[in-house]
Amino acid sequence: MLNIFRSIPTQMDYKGQKLAEQIFQGIILVSAIIGFIYGYITEQFGWTVYIVMAGFALSCLLTLPPWPMYRRNPLKWLPVQESGTEEKKPADRKPKRHAKS
C-alpha cells in the first residue's frame, strides 16, 4: 500500500513553482473582484466571503498538487563524483597567501 504513495511524484521545478504562484494569485484576485461586485449588488457580504472561499479552494486544487504541467522543466543534476579516490594530502596543498593591504 505504501508503494502506491511512494510512486506519486512530489517534486515541482522552479518554473512550475512560478506558474503555480501566478495561477494561485490570479484565481484569488478574480474571485475577490467577482465576489466584491456580486456582494455589492446583492448587498450581502456573505456572498463575497463565499465566492472568495470558493476561489481559494479552486486555486488550492489547481496549484498544490504537483500536476505534470508543473514538472516540465526538471533540473539537470551533476553526476556523483567519488570524493575518496583522488584526495589531496595536506602536504600537497599550497599555503594560502593573504592579500597585502
PDB file of N, CA and C in Angstrom:
ATOM      1  N   MET A   1       0.819  -1.188   0.000  1.00  0.00           N
ATOM      2  CA  MET A   1       0.000   0.000   0.000  1.00  0.00           C
ATOM      3  C   MET A   1       0.863   1.252   0.000  1.00  0.00           C
ATOM      4  N   LEU A   2       1.960   1.249   0.758  1.00  0.00           N
ATOM      5  CA  LEU A   2       2.831   2.421   0.799  1.00  0.00           C
ATOM      6  C   LEU A   2       3.563   2.637  -0.520  1.00  0.00           C
ATOM      7  N   ASN A   3       3.770   1.571  -1.278  1.00  0.00           N
ATOM      8  CA  ASN A   3       4.442   1.719  -2.567  1.00  0.00           C
ATOM      9  C   ASN A   3       3.622   2.567  -3.538  1.00  0.00           C
ATOM     10  N   ILE A   4       2.316   2.516  -3.409  1.00  0.00           N
ATOM     11  CA  ILE A   4       1.455   3.341  -4.265  1.00  0.00           C
ATOM     12  C   ILE A   4       1.720   4.813  -3.979  1.00  0.00           C
ATOM     13  N   PHE A   5       1.835   5.163  -2.698  1.00  0.00           N
ATOM     14  CA  PHE A   5       2.083   6.557  -2.328  1.00  0.00           C
ATOM     15  C   PHE A   5       3.496   6.993  -2.679  1.00  0.00           C
ATOM     16  N   ARG A   6       4.445   6.090  -2.611  1.00  0.00           N
ATOM     17  CA  ARG A   6       5.831   6.435  -2.949  1.00  0.00           C
ATOM     18  C   ARG A   6       6.024   6.632  -4.441  1.00  0.00           C
ATOM     19  N   SER A   7       5.162   6.045  -5.256  1.00  0.00           N
ATOM     20  CA  SER A   7       5.298   6.201  -6.707  1.00  0.00           C
ATOM     21  C   SER A   7       4.733   7.527  -7.204  1.00  0.00           C
ATOM     22  N   ILE A   8       3.992   8.253  -6.364  1.00  0.00           N
ATOM     23  CA  ILE A   8       3.435   9.547  -6.768  1.00  0.00           C
ATOM     24  C   ILE A   8       4.549  10.588  -6.730  1.00  0.00           C
ATOM     25  N   PRO A   9       4.786  11.304  -7.839  1.00  0.00           N
ATOM     26  CA  PRO A   9       5.844  12.318  -7.826  1.00  0.00           C
ATOM     27  C   PRO A   9       5.451  13.500  -6.944  1.00  0.00           C
ATOM     28  N   THR A  10       6.405  13.994  -6.186  1.00  0.00           N
ATOM     29  CA  THR A  10       6.125  15.088  -5.258  1.00  0.00           C
ATOM     30  C   THR A  10       6.922  16.345  -5.558  1.00  0.00           C
ATOM     31  N   GLN A  11       7.809  16.317  -6.539  1.00  0.00           N
ATOM     32  CA  GLN A  11       8.643  17.466  -6.821  1.00  0.00           C
ATOM     33  C   GLN A  11       7.976  18.406  -7.831  1.00  0.00           C
ATOM     34  N   MET A  12       8.406  19.643  -7.805  1.00  0.00           N
ATOM     35  CA  MET A  12       7.918  20.653  -8.737  1.00  0.00           C
ATOM     36  C   MET A  12       9.128  21.507  -9.088  1.00  0.00           C
ATOM     37  N   ASP A  13       9.370  21.752 -10.385  1.00  0.00           N
ATOM     38  CA  ASP A  13      10.538  22.538 -10.768  1.00  0.00           C
ATOM     39  C   ASP A  13      10.288  24.028 -10.525  1.00  0.00           C
ATOM     40  N   TYR A  14      11.337  24.838 -10.716  1.00  0.00           N
ATOM     41  CA  TYR A  14      11.238  26.266 -10.398  1.00  0.00           C
ATOM     42  C   TYR A  14      10.259  27.004 -11.303  1.00  0.00           C
ATOM     43  N   LYS A  15      10.256  26.682 -12.567  1.00  0.00           N
ATOM     44  CA  LYS A  15       9.299  27.323 -13.473  1.00  0.00           C
ATOM     45  C   LYS A  15       7.877  26.895 -13.134  1.00  0.00           C
ATOM     46  N   GLY A  16       7.706  25.658 -12.710  1.00  0.00           N
ATOM     47  CA  GLY A  16       6.400  25.182 -12.264  1.00  0.00           C
ATOM     48  C   GLY A  16       5.933  25.889 -11.012  1.00  0.00           C
ATOM     49  N   GLN A  17       6.867  26.183 -10.103  1.00  0.00           N
ATOM     50  CA  GLN A  17       6.514  26.929  -8.899  1.00  0.00           C
ATOM     51  C   GLN A  17       6.057  28.337  -9.253  1.00  0.00           C
ATOM     52  N   LYS A  18       6.746  28.944 -10.201  1.00  0.00           N
ATOM     53  CA  LYS A  18       6.363  30.293 -10.630  1.00  0.00           C
ATOM     54  C   LYS A  18       4.982  30.275 -11.281  1.00  0.00           C
ATOM     55  N   LEU A  19       4.738  29.294 -12.131  1.00  0.00           N
ATOM     56  CA  LEU A  19       3.440  29.174 -12.783  1.00  0.00           C
ATOM     57  C   LEU A  19       2.333  28.931 -11.758  1.00  0.00           C
ATOM     58  N   ALA A  20       2.583  28.058 -10.790  1.00  0.00           N
ATOM     59  CA  ALA A  20       1.589  27.772  -9.753  1.00  0.00           C
ATOM     60  C   ALA A  20       1.277  29.030  -8.946  1.00  0.00           C
ATOM     61  N   GLU A  21       2.296  29.810  -8.626  1.00  0.00           N
ATOM     62  CA  GLU A  21       2.074  31.048  -7.876  1.00  0.00           C
ATOM     63  C   GLU A  21       1.252  32.048  -8.685  1.00  0.00           C
ATOM     64  N   GLN A  22       1.545  32.162  -9.982  1.00  0.00           N
ATOM     65  CA  GLN A  22       0.776  33.082 -10.827  1.00  0.00           C
ATOM     66  C   GLN A  22      -0.675  32.642 -10.952  1.00  0.00           C
ATOM     67  N   ILE A  23      -0.909  31.354 -11.122  1.00  0.00           N
ATOM     68  CA  ILE A  23      -2.278  30.844 -11.213  1.00  0.00           C
ATOM     69  C   ILE A  23      -3.014  31.077  -9.894  1.00  0.00           C
ATOM     70  N   PHE A  24      -2.350  30.793  -8.784  1.00  0.00           N
ATOM     71  CA  PHE A  24      -2.949  30.977  -7.466  1.00  0.00           C
ATOM     72  C   PHE A  24      -3.368  32.435  -7.255  1.00  0.00           C
ATOM     73  N   GLN A  25      -2.447  33.363  -7.521  1.00  0.00           N
ATOM     74  CA  GLN A  25      -2.757  34.777  -7.325  1.00  0.00           C
ATOM     75  C   GLN A  25      -3.841  35.260  -8.278  1.00  0.00           C
ATOM     76  N   GLY A  26      -3.817  34.782  -9.518  1.00  0.00           N
ATOM     77  CA  GLY A  26      -4.830  35.188 -10.486  1.00  0.00           C
ATOM     78  C   GLY A  26      -6.226  34.747 -10.089  1.00  0.00           C
ATOM     79  N   ILE A  27      -6.360  33.496  -9.663  1.00  0.00           N
ATOM     80  CA  ILE A  27      -7.672  32.987  -9.260  1.00  0.00           C
ATOM     81  C   ILE A  27      -8.183  33.726  -8.020  1.00  0.00           C
ATOM     82  N   ILE A  28      -7.300  33.962  -7.055  1.00  0.00           N
ATOM     83  CA  ILE A  28      -7.705  34.693  -5.849  1.00  0.00           C
ATOM     84  C   ILE A  28      -8.147  36.106  -6.209  1.00  0.00           C
ATOM     85  N   LEU A  29      -7.400  36.776  -7.073  1.00  0.00           N
ATOM     86  CA  LEU A  29      -7.745  38.141  -7.467  1.00  0.00           C
ATOM     87  C   LEU A  29      -9.080  38.193  -8.203  1.00  0.00           C
ATOM     88  N   VAL A  30      -9.263  37.293  -9.169  1.00  0.00           N
ATOM     89  CA  VAL A  30     -10.511  37.283  -9.936  1.00  0.00           C
ATOM     90  C   VAL A  30     -11.703  36.952  -9.036  1.00  0.00           C
ATOM     91  N   SER A  31     -11.545  35.978  -8.155  1.00  0.00           N
ATOM     92  CA  SER A  31     -12.665  35.627  -7.270  1.00  0.00           C
ATOM     93  C   SER A  31     -12.964  36.752  -6.288  1.00  0.00           C
ATOM     94  N   ALA A  32     -11.953  37.479  -5.841  1.00  0.00           N
ATOM     95  CA  ALA A  32     -12.196  38.605  -4.938  1.00  0.00           C
ATOM     96  C   ALA A  32     -12.957  39.720  -5.644  1.00  0.00           C
ATOM     97  N   ILE A  33     -12.580  40.008  -6.881  1.00  0.00           N
ATOM     98  CA  ILE A  33     -13.278  41.054  -7.640  1.00  0.00           C
ATOM     99  C   ILE A  33     -14.719  40.640  -7.907  1.00  0.00           C
ATOM    100  N   ILE A  34     -14.915  39.403  -8.383  1.00  0.00           N
ATOM    101  CA  ILE A  34     -16.278  38.923  -8.658  1.00  0.00           C
ATOM    102  C   ILE A  34     -17.097  38.887  -7.372  1.00  0.00           C
ATOM    103  N   GLY A  35     -16.493  38.408  -6.285  1.00  0.00           N
ATOM    104  CA  GLY A  35     -17.197  38.349  -5.011  1.00  0.00           C
ATOM    105  C   GLY A  35     -17.584  39.725  -4.507  1.00  0.00           C
ATOM    106  N   PHE A  36     -16.682  40.689  -4.641  1.00  0.00           N
ATOM    107  CA  PHE A  36     -16.996  42.042  -4.187  1.00  0.00           C
ATOM    108  C   PHE A  36     -18.141  42.647  -5.001  1.00  0.00           C
ATOM    109  N   ILE A  37     -18.057  42.497  -6.321  1.00  0.00           N
ATOM    110  CA  ILE A  37     -19.114  43.057  -7.177  1.00  0.00           C
ATOM    111  C   ILE A  37     -20.456  42.389  -6.883  1.00  0.00           C
ATOM    112  N   TYR A  38     -20.475  41.071  -6.805  1.00  0.00           N
ATOM    113  CA  TYR A  38     -21.730  40.360  -6.547  1.00  0.00           C
ATOM    114  C   TYR A  38     -22.278  40.699  -5.162  1.00  0.00           C
ATOM    115  N   GLY A  39     -21.404  40.753  -4.180  1.00  0.00           N
ATOM    116  CA  GLY A  39     -21.842  41.109  -2.834  1.00  0.00           C
ATOM    117  C   GLY A  39     -22.348  42.539  -2.743  1.00  0.00           C
ATOM    118  N   TYR A  40     -21.747  43.437  -3.508  1.00  0.00           N
ATOM    119  CA  TYR A  40     -22.191  44.840  -3.527  1.00  0.00           C
ATOM    120  C   TYR A  40     -23.570  44.960  -4.177  1.00  0.00           C
ATOM    121  N   ILE A  41     -23.757  44.222  -5.284  1.00  0.00           N
ATOM    122  CA  ILE A  41     -25.040  44.285  -5.993  1.00  0.00           C
ATOM    123  C   ILE A  41     -26.162  43.703  -5.132  1.00  0.00           C
ATOM    124  N   THR A  42     -25.909  42.565  -4.508  1.00  0.00           N
ATOM    125  CA  THR A  42     -26.950  41.919  -3.694  1.00  0.00           C
ATOM    126  C   THR A  42     -27.009  42.454  -2.266  1.00  0.00           C
ATOM    127  N   GLU A  43     -26.042  43.307  -1.909  1.00  0.00           N
ATOM    128  CA  GLU A  43     -25.933  43.879  -0.559  1.00  0.00           C
ATOM    129  C   GLU A  43     -25.824  42.795   0.511  1.00  0.00           C
ATOM    130  N   GLN A  44     -25.106  41.744   0.172  1.00  0.00           N
ATOM    131  CA  GLN A  44     -24.864  40.626   1.091  1.00  0.00           C
ATOM    132  C   GLN A  44     -23.356  40.360   1.164  1.00  0.00           C
ATOM    133  N   PHE A  45     -22.739  40.712   2.280  1.00  0.00           N
ATOM    134  CA  PHE A  45     -21.301  40.484   2.427  1.00  0.00           C
ATOM    135  C   PHE A  45     -20.974  38.991   2.469  1.00  0.00           C
ATOM    136  N   GLY A  46     -21.910  38.196   2.916  1.00  0.00           N
ATOM    137  CA  GLY A  46     -21.701  36.744   2.986  1.00  0.00           C
ATOM    138  C   GLY A  46     -21.383  36.136   1.632  1.00  0.00           C
ATOM    139  N   TRP A  47     -22.037  36.630   0.573  1.00  0.00           N
ATOM    140  CA  TRP A  47     -21.752  36.118  -0.768  1.00  0.00           C
ATOM    141  C   TRP A  47     -20.326  36.438  -1.188  1.00  0.00           C
ATOM    142  N   THR A  48     -19.822  37.588  -0.792  1.00  0.00           N
ATOM    143  CA  THR A  48     -18.434  37.935  -1.090  1.00  0.00           C
ATOM    144  C   THR A  48     -17.491  36.926  -0.455  1.00  0.00           C
ATOM    145  N   VAL A  49     -17.757  36.616   0.793  1.00  0.00           N
ATOM    146  CA  VAL A  49     -16.903  35.655   1.507  1.00  0.00           C
ATOM    147  C   VAL A  49     -17.001  34.272   0.876  1.00  0.00           C
ATOM    148  N   TYR A  50     -18.200  33.832   0.524  1.00  0.00           N
ATOM    149  CA  TYR A  50     -18.366  32.508  -0.090  1.00  0.00           C
ATOM    150  C   TYR A  50     -17.641  32.415  -1.430  1.00  0.00           C
ATOM    151  N   ILE A  51     -17.731  33.454  -2.230  1.00  0.00           N
ATOM    152  CA  ILE A  51     -17.088  33.425  -3.552  1.00  0.00           C
ATOM    153  C   ILE A  51     -15.570  33.435  -3.408  1.00  0.00           C
ATOM    154  N   VAL A  52     -15.051  34.224  -2.486  1.00  0.00           N
ATOM    155  CA  VAL A  52     -13.601  34.240  -2.260  1.00  0.00           C
ATOM    156  C   VAL A  52     -13.126  32.889  -1.717  1.00  0.00           C
ATOM    157  N   MET A  53     -13.894  32.285  -0.827  1.00  0.00           N
ATOM    158  CA  MET A  53     -13.525  30.962  -0.311  1.00  0.00           C
ATOM    159  C   MET A  53     -13.575  29.903  -1.405  1.00  0.00           C
ATOM    160  N   ALA A  54     -14.549  29.996  -2.312  1.00  0.00           N
ATOM    161  CA  ALA A  54     -14.609  29.054  -3.434  1.00  0.00           C
ATOM    162  C   ALA A  54     -13.408  29.249  -4.354  1.00  0.00           C
ATOM    163  N   GLY A  55     -13.020  30.495  -4.588  1.00  0.00           N
ATOM    164  CA  GLY A  55     -11.828  30.770  -5.390  1.00  0.00           C
ATOM    165  C   GLY A  55     -10.571  30.238  -4.733  1.00  0.00           C
ATOM    166  N   PHE A  56     -10.491  30.369  -3.418  1.00  0.00           N
ATOM    167  CA  PHE A  56      -9.353  29.830  -2.684  1.00  0.00           C
ATOM    168  C   PHE A  56      -9.292  28.310  -2.807  1.00  0.00           C
ATOM    169  N   ALA A  57     -10.440  27.654  -2.648  1.00  0.00           N
ATOM    170  CA  ALA A  57     -10.481  26.189  -2.762  1.00  0.00           C
ATOM    171  C   ALA A  57     -10.097  25.740  -4.170  1.00  0.00           C
ATOM    172  N   LEU A  58     -10.593  26.438  -5.184  1.00  0.00           N
ATOM    173  CA  LEU A  58     -10.247  26.104  -6.569  1.00  0.00           C
ATOM    174  C   LEU A  58      -8.760  26.301  -6.824  1.00  0.00           C
ATOM    175  N   SER A  59      -8.216  27.410  -6.338  1.00  0.00           N
ATOM    176  CA  SER A  59      -6.790  27.661  -6.559  1.00  0.00           C
ATOM    177  C   SER A  59      -5.924  26.647  -5.832  1.00  0.00           C
ATOM    178  N   CYS A  60      -6.340  26.224  -4.648  1.00  0.00           N
ATOM    179  CA  CYS A  60      -5.585  25.176  -3.934  1.00  0.00           C
ATOM    180  C   CYS A  60      -5.632  23.854  -4.692  1.00  0.00           C
ATOM    181  N   LEU A  61      -6.783  23.527  -5.237  1.00  0.00           N
ATOM    182  CA  LEU A  61      -6.919  22.288  -6.002  1.00  0.00           C
ATOM    183  C   LEU A  61      -6.038  22.313  -7.253  1.00  0.00           C
ATOM    184  N   LEU A  62      -5.902  23.470  -7.863  1.00  0.00           N
ATOM    185  CA  LEU A  62      -5.123  23.570  -9.099  1.00  0.00           C
ATOM    186  C   LEU A  62      -3.627  23.743  -8.877  1.00  0.00           C
ATOM    187  N   THR A  63      -3.223  24.263  -7.720  1.00  0.00           N
ATOM    188  CA  THR A  63      -1.808  24.591  -7.561  1.00  0.00           C
ATOM    189  C   THR A  63      -1.056  23.763  -6.530  1.00  0.00           C
ATOM    190  N   LEU A  64      -1.722  23.191  -5.539  1.00  0.00           N
ATOM    191  CA  LEU A  64      -0.988  22.456  -4.516  1.00  0.00           C
ATOM    192  C   LEU A  64      -0.479  21.091  -4.966  1.00  0.00           C
ATOM    193  N   PRO A  65      -1.260  20.263  -5.649  1.00  0.00           N
ATOM    194  CA  PRO A  65      -0.683  19.000  -6.116  1.00  0.00           C
ATOM    195  C   PRO A  65       0.342  19.254  -7.229  1.00  0.00           C
ATOM    196  N   PRO A  66       1.390  18.448  -7.286  1.00  0.00           N
ATOM    197  CA  PRO A  66       2.389  18.646  -8.346  1.00  0.00           C
ATOM    198  C   PRO A  66       1.911  18.058  -9.679  1.00  0.00           C
ATOM    199  N   TRP A  67       0.988  18.729 -10.331  1.00  0.00           N
ATOM    200  CA  TRP A  67       0.460  18.277 -11.615  1.00  0.00           C
ATOM    201  C   TRP A  67       1.585  18.229 -12.642  1.00  0.00           C
ATOM    202  N   PRO A  68       1.446  17.419 -13.706  1.00  0.00           N
ATOM    203  CA  PRO A  68       2.507  17.326 -14.715  1.00  0.00           C
ATOM    204  C   PRO A  68       2.857  18.657 -15.378  1.00  0.00           C
ATOM    205  N   MET A  69       1.933  19.597 -15.432  1.00  0.00           N
ATOM    206  CA  MET A  69       2.259  20.883 -16.059  1.00  0.00           C
ATOM    207  C   MET A  69       3.261  21.673 -15.222  1.00  0.00           C
ATOM    208  N   TYR A  70       3.456  21.315 -13.967  1.00  0.00           N
ATOM    209  CA  TYR A  70       4.434  21.980 -13.112  1.00  0.00           C
ATOM    210  C   TYR A  70       5.781  21.256 -13.099  1.00  0.00           C
ATOM    211  N   ARG A  71       5.895  20.150 -13.831  1.00  0.00           N
ATOM    212  CA  ARG A  71       7.134  19.363 -13.833  1.00  0.00           C
ATOM    213  C   ARG A  71       7.720  19.227 -15.237  1.00  0.00           C
ATOM    214  N   ARG A  72       7.537  20.229 -16.074  1.00  0.00           N
ATOM    215  CA  ARG A  72       8.012  20.148 -17.456  1.00  0.00           C
ATOM    216  C   ARG A  72       9.488  20.487 -17.613  1.00  0.00           C
ATOM    217  N   ASN A  73      10.074  21.196 -16.675  1.00  0.00           N
ATOM    218  CA  ASN A  73      11.466  21.643 -16.780  1.00  0.00           C
ATOM    219  C   ASN A  73      12.290  21.143 -15.596  1.00  0.00           C
ATOM    220  N   PRO A  74      12.592  19.844 -15.543  1.00  0.00           N
ATOM    221  CA  PRO A  74      13.342  19.325 -14.397  1.00  0.00           C
ATOM    222  C   PRO A  74      14.787  19.831 -14.408  1.00  0.00           C
ATOM    223  N   LEU A  75      15.374  19.897 -13.232  1.00  0.00           N
ATOM    224  CA  LEU A  75      16.764  20.313 -13.122  1.00  0.00           C
ATOM    225  C   LEU A  75      17.674  19.199 -13.607  1.00  0.00           C
ATOM    226  N   LYS A  76      18.760  19.595 -14.236  1.00  0.00           N
ATOM    227  CA  LYS A  76      19.772  18.618 -14.658  1.00  0.00           C
ATOM    228  C   LYS A  76      20.879  18.619 -13.613  1.00  0.00           C
ATOM    229  N   TRP A  77      20.929  17.548 -12.844  1.00  0.00           N
ATOM    230  CA  TRP A  77      21.900  17.461 -11.765  1.00  0.00           C
ATOM    231  C   TRP A  77      23.238  16.971 -12.298  1.00  0.00           C
ATOM    232  N   LEU A  78      24.312  17.363 -11.641  1.00  0.00           N
ATOM    233  CA  LEU A  78      25.639  16.877 -11.998  1.00  0.00           C
ATOM    234  C   LEU A  78      25.787  15.433 -11.544  1.00  0.00           C
ATOM    235  N   PRO A  79      26.591  14.648 -12.261  1.00  0.00           N
ATOM    236  CA  PRO A  79      26.786  13.265 -11.816  1.00  0.00           C
ATOM    237  C   PRO A  79      27.563  13.222 -10.503  1.00  0.00           C
ATOM    238  N   VAL A  80      27.368  12.150  -9.762  1.00  0.00           N
ATOM    239  CA  VAL A  80      28.043  11.976  -8.479  1.00  0.00           C
ATOM    240  C   VAL A  80      29.505  11.672  -8.732  1.00  0.00           C
ATOM    241  N   GLN A  81      30.394  12.331  -7.981  1.00  0.00           N
ATOM    242  CA  GLN A  81      31.832  12.091  -8.109  1.00  0.00           C
ATOM    243  C   GLN A  81      32.330  11.377  -6.871  1.00  0.00           C
ATOM    244  N   GLU A  82      33.260  10.488  -7.090  1.00  0.00           N
ATOM    245  CA  GLU A  82      33.866   9.777  -5.967  1.00  0.00           C
ATOM    246  C   GLU A  82      34.838  10.723  -5.281  1.00  0.00           C
ATOM    247  N   SER A  83      34.611  11.039  -4.024  1.00  0.00           N
ATOM    248  CA  SER A  83      35.455  12.016  -3.336  1.00  0.00           C
ATOM    249  C   SER A  83      36.678  11.370  -2.694  1.00  0.00           C
ATOM    250  N   GLY A  84      36.652  10.105  -2.402  1.00  0.00           N
ATOM    251  CA  GLY A  84      37.747   9.468  -1.683  1.00  0.00           C
ATOM    252  C   GLY A  84      38.883   8.989  -2.568  1.00  0.00           C
ATOM    253  N   THR A  85      38.743   8.957  -3.885  1.00  0.00           N
ATOM    254  CA  THR A  85      39.761   8.357  -4.733  1.00  0.00           C
ATOM    255  C   THR A  85      40.938   9.290  -4.992  1.00  0.00           C
ATOM    256  N   GLU A  86      40.703  10.567  -5.165  1.00  0.00           N
ATOM    257  CA  GLU A  86      41.795  11.478  -5.522  1.00  0.00           C
ATOM    258  C   GLU A  86      41.885  12.636  -4.537  1.00  0.00           C
ATOM    259  N   GLU A  87      41.913  12.318  -3.274  1.00  0.00           N
ATOM    260  CA  GLU A  87      42.021  13.362  -2.266  1.00  0.00           C
ATOM    261  C   GLU A  87      43.460  13.813  -2.169  1.00  0.00           C
ATOM    262  N   LYS A  88      43.638  15.129  -2.047  1.00  0.00           N
ATOM    263  CA  LYS A  88      44.988  15.662  -1.893  1.00  0.00           C
ATOM    264  C   LYS A  88      45.442  15.491  -0.450  1.00  0.00           C
ATOM    265  N   LYS A  89      46.697  15.213  -0.294  1.00  0.00           N
ATOM    266  CA  LYS A  89      47.275  15.124   1.038  1.00  0.00           C
ATOM    267  C   LYS A  89      47.564  16.538   1.535  1.00  0.00           C
ATOM    268  N   PRO A  90      47.578  16.726   2.843  1.00  0.00           N
ATOM    269  CA  PRO A  90      47.853  18.073   3.357  1.00  0.00           C
ATOM    270  C   PRO A  90      49.196  18.632   2.887  1.00  0.00           C
ATOM    271  N   ALA A  91      50.182  17.805   2.644  1.00  0.00           N
ATOM    272  CA  ALA A  91      51.489  18.284   2.198  1.00  0.00           C
ATOM    273  C   ALA A  91      51.437  18.762   0.747  1.00  0.00           C
ATOM    274  N   ASP A  92      50.496  18.260  -0.064  1.00  0.00           N
ATOM    275  CA  ASP A  92      50.399  18.643  -1.468  1.00  0.00           C
ATOM    276  C   ASP A  92      49.702  19.991  -1.665  1.00  0.00           C
ATOM    277  N   ARG A  93      49.014  20.465  -0.665  1.00  0.00           N
ATOM    278  CA  ARG A  93      48.274  21.713  -0.804  1.00  0.00           C
ATOM    279  C   ARG A  93      49.215  22.908  -0.710  1.00  0.00           C
ATOM    280  N   LYS A  94      48.910  23.934  -1.470  1.00  0.00           N
ATOM    281  CA  LYS A  94      49.704  25.159  -1.411  1.00  0.00           C
ATOM    282  C   LYS A  94      49.203  26.006  -0.259  1.00  0.00           C
ATOM    283  N   PRO A  95      50.087  26.674   0.432  1.00  0.00           N
ATOM    284  CA  PRO A  95      49.630  27.535   1.523  1.00  0.00           C
ATOM    285  C   PRO A  95      48.908  28.759   0.959  1.00  0.00           C
ATOM    286  N   LYS A  96      47.900  29.198   1.665  1.00  0.00           N
ATOM    287  CA  LYS A  96      47.139  30.356   1.213  1.00  0.00           C
ATOM    288  C   LYS A  96      47.894  31.632   1.577  1.00  0.00           C
ATOM    289  N   ARG A  97      47.871  32.566   0.644  1.00  0.00           N
ATOM    290  CA  ARG A  97      48.500  33.859   0.909  1.00  0.00           C
ATOM    291  C   ARG A  97      47.406  34.896   1.086  1.00  0.00           C
ATOM    292  N   HIS A  98      47.600  35.728   2.051  1.00  0.00           N
ATOM    293  CA  HIS A  98      46.642  36.800   2.313  1.00  0.00           C
ATOM    294  C   HIS A  98      47.030  38.008   1.475  1.00  0.00           C
ATOM    295  N   ALA A  99      46.030  38.728   1.033  1.00  0.00           N
ATOM    296  CA  ALA A  99      46.269  39.926   0.243  1.00  0.00           C
ATOM    297  C   ALA A  99      46.889  40.987   1.142  1.00  0.00           C
ATOM    298  N   LYS A 100      47.863  41.687   0.571  1.00  0.00           N
ATOM    299  CA  LYS A 100      48.515  42.770   1.313  1.00  0.00           C
ATOM    300  C   LYS A 100      47.655  44.019   1.216  1.00  0.00           C
ATOM    301  N   SER A 101      47.541  44.717   2.343  1.00  0.00           N
ATOM    302  CA  SER A 101      46.740  45.932   2.289  1.00  0.00           C
ATOM    303  C   SER A 101      47.580  47.171   2.420  1.00  0.00           C
TER     304      SER A 101
END
